[in-house]
Amino acid sequence: MSKHSVTIPVRTAARSELDGGWAQLQGDCARMVAHWAVPAAVAERVPATLIHGVVVPSASARLVGAMPEYGA
């Protein structure tokens, strides 16, 4: 067992709204889309081990992580 314990405060807001909600996630994606280049042709899949340099705002990562489909 760990020496440290973590207490997570209970909030009345829905989990998806704790970090700005869906609108903030959509805004983050809209700002990132300019950085996504569209290739002229479909390339082969790249192994996940070769993907690097992707930066996601921590609030968006927490929001997606709190969604049952992707995280908790």
N, C-alpha and C. Protein backbone atom coordinates (compact mmCIF):
# COMPACT_ATOMS: atom_id res chain seq x y z
N MET A 1 0.84 -1.18 0.00
CA MET A 1 0.00 0.00 0.00
C MET A 1 0.88 1.24 0.00
N SER A 2 0.45 2.27 -0.63
CA SER A 2 1.18 3.52 -0.77
C SER A 2 1.24 4.29 0.55
N LYS A 3 2.29 5.09 0.71
CA LYS A 3 2.42 5.95 1.89
C LYS A 3 1.48 7.15 1.81
N HIS A 4 1.06 7.48 0.59
CA HIS A 4 0.25 8.66 0.38
C HIS A 4 -1.16 8.27 -0.01
N SER A 5 -2.09 9.10 0.38
CA SER A 5 -3.47 8.87 -0.05
C SER A 5 -3.95 10.11 -0.80
N VAL A 6 -4.86 9.91 -1.68
CA VAL A 6 -5.40 11.00 -2.48
C VAL A 6 -6.88 11.12 -2.18
N THR A 7 -7.32 12.32 -1.89
CA THR A 7 -8.73 12.58 -1.66
C THR A 7 -9.25 13.40 -2.83
N ILE A 8 -10.25 12.86 -3.49
CA ILE A 8 -10.85 13.56 -4.62
C ILE A 8 -12.14 14.21 -4.14
N PRO A 9 -12.22 15.54 -4.24
CA PRO A 9 -13.43 16.21 -3.76
C PRO A 9 -14.64 15.85 -4.62
N VAL A 10 -15.78 15.71 -3.96
CA VAL A 10 -17.02 15.42 -4.67
C VAL A 10 -17.63 16.75 -5.07
N ARG A 11 -18.01 16.85 -6.34
CA ARG A 11 -18.62 18.08 -6.83
C ARG A 11 -20.00 17.77 -7.34
N THR A 12 -20.84 18.76 -7.36
CA THR A 12 -22.20 18.54 -7.82
C THR A 12 -22.31 18.64 -9.34
N ALA A 13 -21.33 19.25 -9.99
CA ALA A 13 -21.37 19.38 -11.45
C ALA A 13 -21.15 18.02 -12.10
N ALA A 14 -21.67 17.87 -13.29
CA ALA A 14 -21.45 16.63 -14.05
C ALA A 14 -19.96 16.50 -14.32
N ARG A 15 -19.44 15.27 -14.37
CA ARG A 15 -18.01 15.04 -14.57
C ARG A 15 -17.52 15.72 -15.84
N SER A 16 -18.31 15.70 -16.89
CA SER A 16 -17.86 16.27 -18.16
C SER A 16 -17.75 17.79 -18.10
N GLU A 17 -18.33 18.41 -17.10
CA GLU A 17 -18.29 19.87 -16.99
C GLU A 17 -17.20 20.37 -16.04
N LEU A 18 -16.48 19.49 -15.38
CA LEU A 18 -15.49 19.91 -14.39
C LEU A 18 -14.35 20.71 -14.99
N ASP A 19 -13.96 20.41 -16.21
CA ASP A 19 -12.81 21.07 -16.82
C ASP A 19 -13.18 21.95 -18.01
N GLY A 20 -14.39 22.43 -18.06
CA GLY A 20 -14.79 23.31 -19.14
C GLY A 20 -15.83 22.72 -20.05
N GLY A 21 -15.97 21.42 -20.06
CA GLY A 21 -17.03 20.79 -20.80
C GLY A 21 -16.75 20.57 -22.27
N TRP A 22 -17.80 20.16 -22.94
CA TRP A 22 -17.73 19.79 -24.35
C TRP A 22 -17.32 20.97 -25.22
N ALA A 23 -17.84 22.16 -24.93
CA ALA A 23 -17.50 23.35 -25.73
C ALA A 23 -16.00 23.63 -25.69
N GLN A 24 -15.39 23.48 -24.53
CA GLN A 24 -13.94 23.71 -24.42
C GLN A 24 -13.18 22.66 -25.22
N LEU A 25 -13.61 21.40 -25.15
CA LEU A 25 -12.95 20.36 -25.91
C LEU A 25 -13.05 20.63 -27.41
N GLN A 26 -14.22 21.05 -27.87
CA GLN A 26 -14.39 21.38 -29.29
C GLN A 26 -13.49 22.55 -29.69
N GLY A 27 -13.37 23.54 -28.81
CA GLY A 27 -12.50 24.68 -29.09
C GLY A 27 -11.04 24.26 -29.17
N ASP A 28 -10.62 23.39 -28.26
CA ASP A 28 -9.25 22.89 -28.28
C ASP A 28 -8.98 22.14 -29.59
N CYS A 29 -9.93 21.33 -30.01
CA CYS A 29 -9.76 20.58 -31.27
C CYS A 29 -9.72 21.53 -32.46
N ALA A 30 -10.56 22.56 -32.45
CA ALA A 30 -10.58 23.52 -33.56
C ALA A 30 -9.24 24.24 -33.67
N ARG A 31 -8.62 24.55 -32.52
CA ARG A 31 -7.31 25.20 -32.55
C ARG A 31 -6.22 24.25 -33.04
N MET A 32 -6.35 22.97 -32.76
CA MET A 32 -5.33 22.00 -33.15
C MET A 32 -5.45 21.58 -34.61
N VAL A 33 -6.63 21.70 -35.21
CA VAL A 33 -6.85 21.17 -36.56
C VAL A 33 -5.91 21.80 -37.58
N ALA A 34 -5.52 23.03 -37.38
CA ALA A 34 -4.60 23.69 -38.31
C ALA A 34 -3.23 22.98 -38.36
N HIS A 35 -2.91 22.25 -37.31
CA HIS A 35 -1.62 21.55 -37.24
C HIS A 35 -1.67 20.16 -37.86
N TRP A 36 -2.86 19.71 -38.25
CA TRP A 36 -3.01 18.38 -38.82
C TRP A 36 -2.94 18.48 -40.34
N ALA A 37 -1.87 17.98 -40.90
CA ALA A 37 -1.71 18.00 -42.35
C ALA A 37 -2.52 16.86 -42.97
N VAL A 38 -3.14 17.12 -44.08
CA VAL A 38 -3.90 16.10 -44.79
C VAL A 38 -3.01 15.56 -45.91
N PRO A 39 -2.66 14.27 -45.84
CA PRO A 39 -1.80 13.71 -46.88
C PRO A 39 -2.52 13.61 -48.22
N ALA A 40 -1.74 13.68 -49.30
CA ALA A 40 -2.32 13.56 -50.64
C ALA A 40 -2.84 12.15 -50.88
N ALA A 41 -2.20 11.16 -50.31
CA ALA A 41 -2.62 9.77 -50.47
C ALA A 41 -2.65 9.10 -49.10
N VAL A 42 -3.42 8.06 -48.99
CA VAL A 42 -3.53 7.32 -47.74
C VAL A 42 -2.23 6.54 -47.53
N ALA A 43 -1.62 6.74 -46.38
CA ALA A 43 -0.37 6.06 -46.04
C ALA A 43 -0.67 4.82 -45.19
N GLU A 44 0.32 3.98 -45.04
CA GLU A 44 0.18 2.82 -44.18
C GLU A 44 0.10 3.28 -42.74
N ARG A 45 -0.48 2.45 -41.90
CA ARG A 45 -0.59 2.79 -40.48
C ARG A 45 0.79 2.92 -39.86
N VAL A 46 0.94 3.87 -38.98
CA VAL A 46 2.20 4.10 -38.27
C VAL A 46 2.08 3.45 -36.90
N PRO A 47 3.08 2.68 -36.48
CA PRO A 47 3.04 2.08 -35.14
C PRO A 47 2.98 3.18 -34.06
N ALA A 48 2.24 2.93 -33.02
CA ALA A 48 2.09 3.91 -31.94
C ALA A 48 3.44 4.31 -31.34
N THR A 49 4.41 3.42 -31.37
CA THR A 49 5.72 3.74 -30.81
C THR A 49 6.45 4.82 -31.58
N LEU A 50 6.04 5.08 -32.82
CA LEU A 50 6.68 6.11 -33.63
C LEU A 50 5.98 7.47 -33.54
N ILE A 51 4.85 7.51 -32.87
CA ILE A 51 4.11 8.76 -32.74
C ILE A 51 4.66 9.52 -31.54
N HIS A 52 5.08 10.76 -31.77
CA HIS A 52 5.60 11.59 -30.69
C HIS A 52 5.33 13.05 -31.01
N GLY A 53 5.43 13.89 -30.01
CA GLY A 53 5.26 15.32 -30.21
C GLY A 53 3.82 15.79 -30.21
N VAL A 54 2.89 14.93 -29.82
CA VAL A 54 1.48 15.33 -29.76
C VAL A 54 1.24 15.97 -28.40
N VAL A 55 0.73 17.18 -28.40
CA VAL A 55 0.48 17.89 -27.15
C VAL A 55 -1.02 18.17 -27.05
N VAL A 56 -1.61 17.75 -25.95
CA VAL A 56 -3.03 17.96 -25.70
C VAL A 56 -3.15 18.77 -24.41
N PRO A 57 -3.94 19.85 -24.39
CA PRO A 57 -4.12 20.61 -23.16
C PRO A 57 -4.58 19.68 -22.03
N SER A 58 -4.03 19.88 -20.84
CA SER A 58 -4.33 18.97 -19.73
C SER A 58 -5.82 18.95 -19.40
N ALA A 59 -6.50 20.08 -19.52
CA ALA A 59 -7.94 20.11 -19.24
C ALA A 59 -8.69 19.22 -20.22
N SER A 60 -8.29 19.21 -21.48
CA SER A 60 -8.94 18.36 -22.47
C SER A 60 -8.63 16.90 -22.20
N ALA A 61 -7.40 16.60 -21.82
CA ALA A 61 -7.04 15.22 -21.51
C ALA A 61 -7.85 14.71 -20.33
N ARG A 62 -8.03 15.55 -19.30
CA ARG A 62 -8.84 15.14 -18.15
C ARG A 62 -10.30 14.94 -18.55
N LEU A 63 -10.81 15.82 -19.41
CA LEU A 63 -12.19 15.70 -19.86
C LEU A 63 -12.40 14.38 -20.61
N VAL A 64 -11.53 14.08 -21.55
CA VAL A 64 -11.66 12.83 -22.31
C VAL A 64 -11.44 11.65 -21.39
N GLY A 65 -10.49 11.75 -20.47
CA GLY A 65 -10.24 10.66 -19.53
C GLY A 65 -11.42 10.37 -18.62
N ALA A 66 -12.25 11.37 -18.38
CA ALA A 66 -13.43 11.19 -17.53
C ALA A 66 -14.60 10.59 -18.29
N MET A 67 -14.51 10.54 -19.61
CA MET A 67 -15.60 9.96 -20.41
C MET A 67 -15.54 8.44 -20.33
N PRO A 68 -16.67 7.79 -20.06
CA PRO A 68 -16.66 6.34 -19.94
C PRO A 68 -16.18 5.62 -21.19
N GLU A 69 -16.38 6.24 -22.36
CA GLU A 69 -15.97 5.59 -23.60
C GLU A 69 -14.45 5.52 -23.73
N TYR A 70 -13.71 6.44 -23.08
CA TYR A 70 -12.27 6.53 -23.27
C TYR A 70 -11.46 6.32 -22.00
N GLY A 71 -12.01 6.63 -20.87
CA GLY A 71 -11.22 6.60 -19.63
C GLY A 71 -11.96 5.89 -18.52
N ALA A 72 -12.41 6.68 -17.58
CA ALA A 72 -13.04 6.15 -16.36
C ALA A 72 -14.34 5.43 -16.62
